[in-house]
Protein backbone atom coordinates (compact mmCIF):
# COMPACT_ATOMS: atom_id res chain seq x y z
CA MET A 1 0.00 0.00 0.00
CA SER A 2 1.29 3.47 -0.85
CA PRO A 3 1.90 6.07 1.90
CA ALA A 4 -0.72 8.78 2.46
CA SER A 5 -0.75 12.31 3.82
CA SER A 6 -3.31 15.08 3.98
CA CYS A 7 -3.30 18.15 1.74
CA PRO A 8 -2.30 21.25 3.75
CA ARG A 9 -4.77 23.37 1.79
CA CYS A 10 -7.99 21.29 1.63
CA GLN A 11 -7.22 18.41 4.03
CA THR A 12 -7.96 15.75 1.37
CA VAL A 13 -6.13 12.42 1.84
CA VAL A 14 -3.41 12.11 -0.80
CA HIS A 15 -1.80 8.76 -1.73
CA TYR A 16 1.62 8.85 -3.37
CA GLU A 17 4.50 6.61 -4.34
CA PRO A 18 7.57 6.68 -2.08
CA GLY A 19 10.17 9.20 -3.26
CA GLU A 20 7.64 11.24 -5.30
CA ARG A 21 6.10 14.58 -4.48
CA PRO A 22 2.40 14.13 -3.68
CA VAL A 23 -0.14 16.24 -5.59
CA CYS A 24 -3.66 16.72 -4.23
CA PRO A 25 -6.27 15.31 -6.65
CA ALA A 26 -8.94 17.68 -5.32
CA CYS A 27 -7.19 21.08 -5.52
CA GLY A 28 -3.93 20.31 -7.35
CA TYR A 29 -1.74 21.59 -4.51
CA PRO A 30 1.80 20.19 -4.71
CA GLY A 31 2.38 18.64 -1.29
CA ALA A 32 5.46 18.49 0.88
CA ASP A 33 8.59 16.89 -0.44
CA THR A 34 8.60 13.31 0.87
CA ARG A 35 12.07 12.45 -0.39
CA ALA A 36 15.05 12.17 1.91
CA ARG A 37 15.86 15.36 3.78
CA PRO A 38 19.02 17.24 2.70
CA ALA A 39 22.09 17.21 4.90
CA ALA A 40 22.68 20.16 7.20
CA ASP A 41 25.16 21.77 4.79
CA GLU A 42 22.82 21.46 1.75
CA PRO A 43 20.28 24.15 0.91
CA PRO A 44 16.63 23.27 1.60
CA ALA A 45 14.48 21.83 -1.20
CA TRP A 46 12.43 24.17 -3.36
CA ARG A 47 9.01 25.04 -1.97
CA PRO A 48 6.16 26.24 -4.17
CA ALA A 49 5.12 29.87 -3.76
CA PRO A 50 1.70 30.55 -2.23
CA THR A 51 -1.02 30.95 -4.83
CA GLU A 52 -2.72 33.94 -3.18
CA PRO A 53 -0.91 37.10 -2.08
CA HIS A 54 -1.06 37.93 1.61
CA ARG A 55 -3.15 41.04 2.24
CA THR A 56 -2.30 43.22 5.19
CA HIS A 57 -4.85 45.95 4.51
CA ALA A 58 -8.19 46.57 2.86
CA PRO A 59 -8.39 46.48 -0.94
CA ALA A 60 -7.93 49.76 -2.80
CA GLU A 61 -11.63 49.78 -3.69
CA ALA A 62 -12.60 49.93 -0.01
CA TRP A 63 -10.28 52.90 0.58
CA ALA A 64 -11.65 54.71 -2.45
CA GLU A 65 -15.15 54.59 -0.98
CA GLN A 66 -14.08 56.06 2.37
CA GLU A 67 -13.77 59.77 2.96
CA THR A 68 -11.59 61.35 5.64
CA SER A 69 -13.53 63.27 8.25
CA GLY A 70 -12.91 67.01 8.03
CA LYS A 71 -13.58 67.33 11.76
CA ALA A 72 -10.85 64.76 12.46
CA VAL A 73 -8.33 66.71 10.38
CA ALA A 74 -9.34 69.97 12.08
CA ALA A 75 -9.05 68.36 15.54
CA LEU A 76 -5.51 67.17 14.79
CA VAL A 77 -4.43 70.52 13.35
CA LEU A 78 -5.90 72.45 16.30
CA GLY A 79 -4.34 70.00 18.77
CA ILE A 80 -0.91 70.66 17.28
CA VAL A 81 -1.44 74.42 16.93
CA SER A 82 -2.57 74.64 20.57
CA TYR A 83 1.07 74.23 21.66
CA PHE A 84 2.17 77.28 19.66
CA PHE A 85 -0.77 79.69 19.35
CA LEU A 86 -3.68 80.51 21.70
CA GLY A 87 -3.10 77.34 23.74
CA PRO A 88 -6.25 76.83 25.82
CA LEU A 89 -8.64 78.20 23.18
CA THR A 90 -7.40 75.98 20.35
CA ALA A 91 -7.02 73.04 22.76
CA ILE A 92 -10.68 73.27 23.76
CA LEU A 93 -11.70 73.42 20.09
CA ALA A 94 -9.47 70.38 19.37
CA ILE A 95 -11.18 68.44 22.17
CA ILE A 96 -14.68 69.34 20.97
CA LEU A 97 -13.93 68.55 17.31
CA GLY A 98 -12.12 65.33 18.26
CA VAL A 99 -15.14 64.05 20.18
CA MET A 100 -17.53 65.09 17.39
CA ALA A 101 -15.34 63.46 14.72
CA ARG A 102 -15.04 60.18 16.63
CA ARG A 103 -18.82 60.08 17.07
CA ASP A 104 -19.40 60.82 13.35
CA ILE A 105 -16.90 58.13 12.31
CA GLU A 106 -18.54 55.54 14.59
CA GLN A 107 -22.00 56.35 13.19
CA SER A 108 -20.88 56.36 9.52
CA ASP A 109 -20.59 52.52 9.31
CA GLY A 110 -17.23 52.69 7.56
CA ALA A 111 -17.99 55.58 5.19
CA LEU A 112 -15.69 57.94 7.13
CA ARG A 113 -12.14 57.36 8.26
CA GLY A 114 -9.79 59.40 10.44
CA ARG A 115 -10.42 57.97 13.91
CA GLY A 116 -6.69 58.12 14.68
CA MET A 117 -6.46 61.79 13.72
CA ALA A 118 -9.52 62.58 15.83
CA SER A 119 -8.07 60.72 18.83
CA TRP A 120 -4.68 62.41 18.49
CA GLY A 121 -6.31 65.85 18.24
CA LEU A 122 -8.47 65.11 21.28
CA TRP A 123 -5.54 63.92 23.41
CA LEU A 124 -3.21 66.71 22.30
CA GLY A 125 -5.88 69.17 23.44
CA VAL A 126 -6.35 67.39 26.78
CA VAL A 127 -2.62 67.32 27.48
CA ASN A 128 -2.33 71.01 26.55
CA ILE A 129 -5.11 71.93 29.00
CA ILE A 130 -3.41 69.88 31.76
CA LEU A 131 -0.08 71.60 31.09
CA VAL A 132 -1.70 75.05 31.15
CA VAL A 133 -3.42 74.29 34.48
CA LEU A 134 -0.15 73.01 36.00
CA ALA A 135 1.71 76.09 34.72
CA LEU A 136 -0.90 78.39 36.28
CA ILE A 137 -0.66 76.54 39.60
CA VAL A 138 3.14 76.89 39.61
CA LEU A 139 2.90 80.55 38.54
CA PHE A 140 0.48 81.42 41.34
CA ALA A 141 2.52 79.48 43.91
CA VAL A 142 5.72 81.30 42.92
CA GLY A 143 3.91 84.62 42.74
CA PHE A 144 2.38 84.26 46.21
CA SER A 145 5.73 83.20 47.69
CA VAL A 146 7.41 86.28 46.20
CA LEU A 147 4.67 88.50 47.62
CA GLU A 148 5.04 86.88 51.04
CA GLN A 149 8.80 87.51 51.05
CA GLY A 150 8.31 91.17 50.08
CA ARG A 151 6.30 91.99 53.21
């Protein structure tokens, strides 16, 4: 009786002659090399390339249908600008637009993208507000200590 193995692609039982490469009768997949293994100093036997490319992202058609949220872009821009110009005012606007953009993106069922930009804008605004509050606390503490020493 000839040896048998299962096809790695479709799990069909494949019978083959010893020393030959098994080929699946159902899907045509060339199976593993059943011949003697090469010595440690020999290069490995040739392996067939996969038949389907590996996709790491959505197809181009899916991206073409999505639109980037304008509120998400504005939230990110305002979050960055808040560190250089009108800090608390632009930070508050970045927070508001970031929350609105994230809500719009969630409710769009995939029609809008930009959740990362909205989140970054939101958190840049939050961190800016925290830094401004800490700076004001330090400023008042130093100011009051200087006034106390002057008396």
